Amino acid sequence: MKRLDTIPSGGSSLRAQVFKEIEQAILNGAFAPGDSLTELRLSAELGVSRTPVREALRQLELEGLVTTIPNKGAVVVGVSEKDIDDIYTIRSYIEGLAAKWAAGHITDDEIAALREIVELQEYYVSRGDTLQVWHLDGRFHELIYDCCRSRPLKHTLSSFHHYIQKARALSFKTAGRAKVAVQEHREILEAIAKRDSGAAEIKSAEHIKNAKNNFLERNQITSAL
């Protein structure tokens, strides 16, 4: 985690920054399920007082990422394999809806931005730079969530996408997955650009189902090693 006493706030509250740092550490695996999170340790690592740490831990408990155990304090729950499986399943049902609505509301400038993302992904795939492809994957989906013009749907899908970032990163490292994912992005893009809401919905739902299957296959292979 970064020390926050040396970083400009950028307008966000200290509590929000502390929450973001601890949440990210949980989601990327720096804090594993079962780890104890003490206010004293976290405040020292982040360079802040214990008050924003305490507030952040309460928020993380509401998010389901930590739990408070008597005489032990906050303990990491994290995101389990079942959580990831469930999130992919739910996304396979509603991600298509976001693409469908995006096709009906997207502007020409937003189509151009979406096209630029896909073209950059195709470039980085040709260079074998899966990390950049993965970063752009987040931008691709977030832009579609913006274009669907539904705050509840965007909030739900953005949270899901954020919570499974580690699984997404591992999935992209599977041989050939990055190239296939970008090809699927291209198909979603073209459907949205044509304002074909039906095709956009189908292609997007298929994309998430394929991502889920890839995650499950990778887990089976890893478990067998």
Protein backbone atom coordinates (compact mmCIF):
# COMPACT_ATOMS: atom_id res chain seq x y z
CA MET A 1 0.00 0.00 0.00
CA LYS A 2 1.07 3.60 -0.64
CA ARG A 3 1.70 6.03 2.20
CA LEU A 4 -1.05 8.61 1.94
CA ASP A 5 0.74 11.35 3.84
CA THR A 6 2.98 11.92 0.79
CA ILE A 7 0.24 11.85 -1.89
CA PRO A 8 -1.97 14.84 -2.82
CA SER A 9 -5.60 14.14 -2.01
CA GLY A 10 -6.86 15.18 -5.45
CA GLY A 11 -10.11 16.26 -3.86
CA SER A 12 -11.08 12.90 -2.36
CA SER A 13 -11.49 12.52 1.39
CA LEU A 14 -8.81 10.84 3.45
CA ARG A 15 -11.28 8.15 4.47
CA ALA A 16 -12.01 7.44 0.79
CA GLN A 17 -8.31 7.16 0.02
CA VAL A 18 -7.72 4.82 2.96
CA PHE A 19 -10.70 2.71 1.94
CA LYS A 20 -9.44 2.48 -1.63
CA GLU A 21 -5.93 1.44 -0.59
CA ILE A 22 -7.09 -1.29 1.79
CA GLU A 23 -9.77 -2.51 -0.61
CA GLN A 24 -7.24 -2.74 -3.44
CA ALA A 25 -4.82 -4.67 -1.20
CA ILE A 26 -7.59 -7.18 -0.46
CA LEU A 27 -8.72 -7.52 -4.07
CA ASN A 28 -5.21 -7.98 -5.47
CA GLY A 29 -4.33 -10.58 -2.85
CA ALA A 30 -1.86 -8.53 -0.78
CA PHE A 31 -4.15 -9.28 2.17
CA ALA A 32 -5.39 -12.86 2.08
CA PRO A 33 -8.60 -14.28 3.58
CA GLY A 34 -8.05 -14.81 7.30
CA ASP A 35 -5.50 -12.01 7.69
CA SER A 36 -6.08 -9.70 10.65
CA LEU A 37 -6.22 -5.98 9.90
CA THR A 38 -5.27 -3.92 12.92
CA GLU A 39 -5.88 -0.18 13.02
CA LEU A 40 -2.41 0.46 14.46
CA ARG A 41 -0.59 -1.46 11.71
CA LEU A 42 -2.64 0.03 8.89
CA SER A 43 -2.35 3.58 10.18
CA ALA A 44 1.43 3.18 10.40
CA GLU A 45 1.70 1.72 6.87
CA LEU A 46 -0.53 4.38 5.34
CA GLY A 47 0.85 7.28 7.36
CA VAL A 48 -2.54 8.36 8.69
CA SER A 49 -4.33 8.47 12.03
CA ARG A 50 -6.42 5.54 13.23
CA THR A 51 -9.75 7.35 12.72
CA PRO A 52 -9.93 7.11 8.88
CA VAL A 53 -8.64 3.53 9.11
CA ARG A 54 -11.43 2.64 11.54
CA GLU A 55 -14.00 4.26 9.25
CA ALA A 56 -12.59 2.46 6.20
CA LEU A 57 -12.74 -0.89 7.96
CA ARG A 58 -16.39 -0.30 8.83
CA GLN A 59 -17.11 0.44 5.16
CA LEU A 60 -15.19 -2.67 4.08
CA GLU A 61 -17.32 -4.72 6.47
CA LEU A 62 -20.46 -3.30 4.85
CA GLU A 63 -18.99 -4.29 1.48
CA GLY A 64 -18.47 -7.83 2.78
CA LEU A 65 -14.70 -7.80 2.31
CA VAL A 66 -13.87 -7.96 6.04
CA THR A 67 -15.67 -9.19 9.12
CA THR A 68 -15.26 -8.20 12.75
CA ILE A 69 -14.50 -11.05 15.14
CA PRO A 70 -14.71 -10.50 18.93
CA ASN A 71 -11.27 -10.20 20.57
CA LYS A 72 -9.59 -10.33 17.17
CA GLY A 73 -10.86 -7.29 15.29
CA ALA A 74 -11.21 -6.98 11.52
CA VAL A 75 -10.40 -10.11 9.53
CA VAL A 76 -10.20 -10.33 5.75
CA VAL A 77 -13.00 -12.24 4.04
CA GLY A 78 -12.02 -11.26 0.51
CA VAL A 79 -13.62 -12.61 -2.65
CA SER A 80 -13.98 -16.39 -2.73
CA GLU A 81 -13.97 -18.63 -5.80
CA LYS A 82 -17.71 -19.07 -5.35
CA ASP A 83 -18.12 -15.28 -5.26
CA ILE A 84 -16.22 -15.04 -8.54
CA ASP A 85 -18.29 -17.82 -10.08
CA ASP A 86 -21.49 -16.11 -8.95
CA ILE A 87 -20.36 -12.72 -10.25
CA TYR A 88 -19.55 -14.14 -13.68
CA THR A 89 -22.93 -15.88 -13.77
CA ILE A 90 -24.84 -12.72 -12.83
CA ARG A 91 -22.80 -10.67 -15.31
CA SER A 92 -23.65 -13.13 -18.08
CA TYR A 93 -27.31 -12.20 -17.57
CA ILE A 94 -27.05 -8.43 -17.21
CA GLU A 95 -23.92 -7.40 -19.12
CA GLY A 96 -25.82 -8.05 -22.34
CA LEU A 97 -28.49 -5.62 -21.15
CA ALA A 98 -25.87 -2.90 -20.72
CA ALA A 99 -24.61 -3.45 -24.27
CA LYS A 100 -28.17 -3.50 -25.59
CA TRP A 101 -28.99 -0.17 -23.96
CA ALA A 102 -25.60 1.26 -24.97
CA ALA A 103 -26.39 0.51 -28.62
CA GLY A 104 -29.50 2.64 -28.29
CA HIS A 105 -27.87 5.60 -26.53
CA ILE A 106 -24.21 5.75 -27.59
CA THR A 107 -22.95 8.87 -29.36
CA ASP A 108 -20.59 9.02 -32.34
CA ASP A 109 -17.81 10.34 -30.08
CA GLU A 110 -18.30 7.44 -27.67
CA ILE A 111 -18.19 4.96 -30.56
CA ALA A 112 -14.90 6.52 -31.62
CA ALA A 113 -13.55 6.19 -28.06
CA LEU A 114 -14.66 2.56 -27.89
CA ARG A 115 -13.07 1.87 -31.26
CA GLU A 116 -9.79 3.44 -30.12
CA ILE A 117 -9.73 1.15 -27.08
CA VAL A 118 -10.25 -1.98 -29.19
CA GLU A 119 -7.61 -0.90 -31.71
CA LEU A 120 -5.14 -0.32 -28.89
CA GLN A 121 -5.96 -3.75 -27.49
CA GLU A 122 -5.34 -5.33 -30.89
CA TYR A 123 -2.00 -3.54 -31.07
CA TYR A 124 -0.92 -4.75 -27.63
CA VAL A 125 -2.09 -8.30 -28.41
CA SER A 126 0.22 -8.25 -31.44
CA ARG A 127 3.04 -7.18 -29.09
CA GLY A 128 2.20 -9.86 -26.54
CA ASP A 129 1.59 -7.23 -23.84
CA THR A 130 -1.29 -8.83 -21.94
CA LEU A 131 -0.98 -6.37 -19.04
CA GLN A 132 -1.89 -3.44 -21.27
CA VAL A 133 -4.69 -5.49 -22.86
CA TRP A 134 -6.05 -6.17 -19.37
CA HIS A 135 -5.94 -2.49 -18.36
CA LEU A 136 -7.78 -1.55 -21.55
CA ASP A 137 -10.35 -4.30 -20.86
CA GLY A 138 -11.48 -2.32 -17.84
CA ARG A 139 -11.81 0.87 -19.89
CA PHE A 140 -13.78 -0.98 -22.60
CA HIS A 141 -16.38 -2.32 -20.20
CA GLU A 142 -16.62 0.87 -18.13
CA LEU A 143 -17.33 2.90 -21.27
CA ILE A 144 -20.16 0.55 -22.22
CA TYR A 145 -21.54 0.90 -18.69
CA ASP A 146 -21.46 4.69 -19.13
CA CYS A 147 -23.19 4.48 -22.50
CA CYS A 148 -26.06 2.33 -21.22
CA ARG A 149 -27.27 5.47 -19.39
CA SER A 150 -28.48 3.54 -16.36
CA ARG A 151 -26.94 4.46 -13.02
CA PRO A 152 -28.16 1.32 -11.19
CA LEU A 153 -26.89 -0.99 -13.93
CA LYS A 154 -23.58 0.85 -14.19
CA HIS A 155 -23.06 0.72 -10.41
CA THR A 156 -23.79 -2.99 -10.24
CA LEU A 157 -21.59 -3.98 -13.16
CA SER A 158 -18.73 -1.63 -12.20
CA SER A 159 -18.64 -3.16 -8.71
CA PHE A 160 -18.64 -6.70 -10.11
CA HIS A 161 -15.91 -5.88 -12.63
CA HIS A 162 -13.80 -4.31 -9.89
CA TYR A 163 -14.26 -7.14 -7.40
CA ILE A 164 -12.99 -9.85 -9.75
CA GLN A 165 -9.97 -7.91 -11.03
CA LYS A 166 -7.51 -10.55 -9.81
CA ALA A 167 -9.46 -13.34 -11.53
CA ARG A 168 -9.62 -11.25 -14.71
CA ALA A 169 -5.87 -10.64 -14.62
CA LEU A 170 -5.12 -14.34 -14.17
CA SER A 171 -7.58 -15.23 -16.94
CA PHE A 172 -5.85 -12.89 -19.37
CA LYS A 173 -2.58 -14.73 -18.74
CA THR A 174 -4.08 -17.96 -20.07
CA ALA A 175 -2.53 -18.77 -23.44
CA GLY A 176 -4.61 -17.25 -26.22
CA ARG A 177 -7.33 -15.75 -24.00
CA ALA A 178 -6.28 -12.12 -24.51
CA LYS A 179 -6.46 -12.46 -28.29
CA VAL A 180 -9.89 -14.13 -28.16
CA ALA A 181 -11.22 -11.57 -25.67
CA VAL A 182 -10.18 -8.71 -27.93
CA GLN A 183 -11.81 -10.39 -30.92
CA GLU A 184 -15.00 -10.60 -28.85
CA HIS A 185 -14.64 -6.91 -27.95
CA ARG A 186 -14.38 -6.12 -31.66
CA GLU A 187 -17.65 -7.99 -32.33
CA ILE A 188 -19.41 -6.15 -29.48
CA LEU A 189 -18.07 -2.84 -30.75
CA GLU A 190 -19.27 -3.41 -34.31
CA ALA A 191 -22.74 -4.42 -33.11
CA ILE A 192 -22.99 -1.30 -30.93
CA ALA A 193 -21.62 0.93 -33.74
CA LYS A 194 -24.40 -0.36 -36.01
CA ARG A 195 -26.93 0.36 -33.25
CA ASP A 196 -27.87 -3.32 -33.44
CA SER A 197 -29.07 -3.75 -29.85
CA GLY A 198 -29.99 -7.41 -30.30
CA ALA A 199 -26.57 -8.42 -31.61
CA ALA A 200 -24.82 -6.26 -28.99
CA GLU A 201 -26.73 -8.04 -26.22
CA ILE A 202 -25.97 -11.51 -27.58
CA LYS A 203 -22.27 -10.82 -28.25
CA SER A 204 -21.75 -9.26 -24.83
CA ALA A 205 -23.47 -12.12 -22.99
CA GLU A 206 -21.39 -14.65 -24.95
CA HIS A 207 -18.22 -12.73 -24.07
CA ILE A 208 -18.92 -12.99 -20.34
CA LYS A 209 -19.85 -16.68 -20.58
CA ASN A 210 -16.58 -17.36 -22.40
CA ALA A 211 -14.65 -15.43 -19.74
CA LYS A 212 -16.33 -17.50 -17.03
CA ASN A 213 -15.56 -20.78 -18.81
CA ASN A 214 -11.95 -19.71 -19.23
CA PHE A 215 -11.71 -18.90 -15.51
CA LEU A 216 -13.18 -22.28 -14.55
CA GLU A 217 -10.88 -24.18 -16.92
CA ARG A 218 -7.84 -22.32 -15.59
CA ASN A 219 -8.85 -23.13 -12.02
CA GLN A 220 -9.24 -26.83 -12.87
CA ILE A 221 -5.80 -26.90 -14.48
CA THR A 222 -4.22 -25.05 -11.55
CA SER A 223 -5.87 -27.37 -9.01
CA ALA A 224 -4.56 -30.41 -10.87
CA LEU A 225 -0.93 -29.23 -10.73
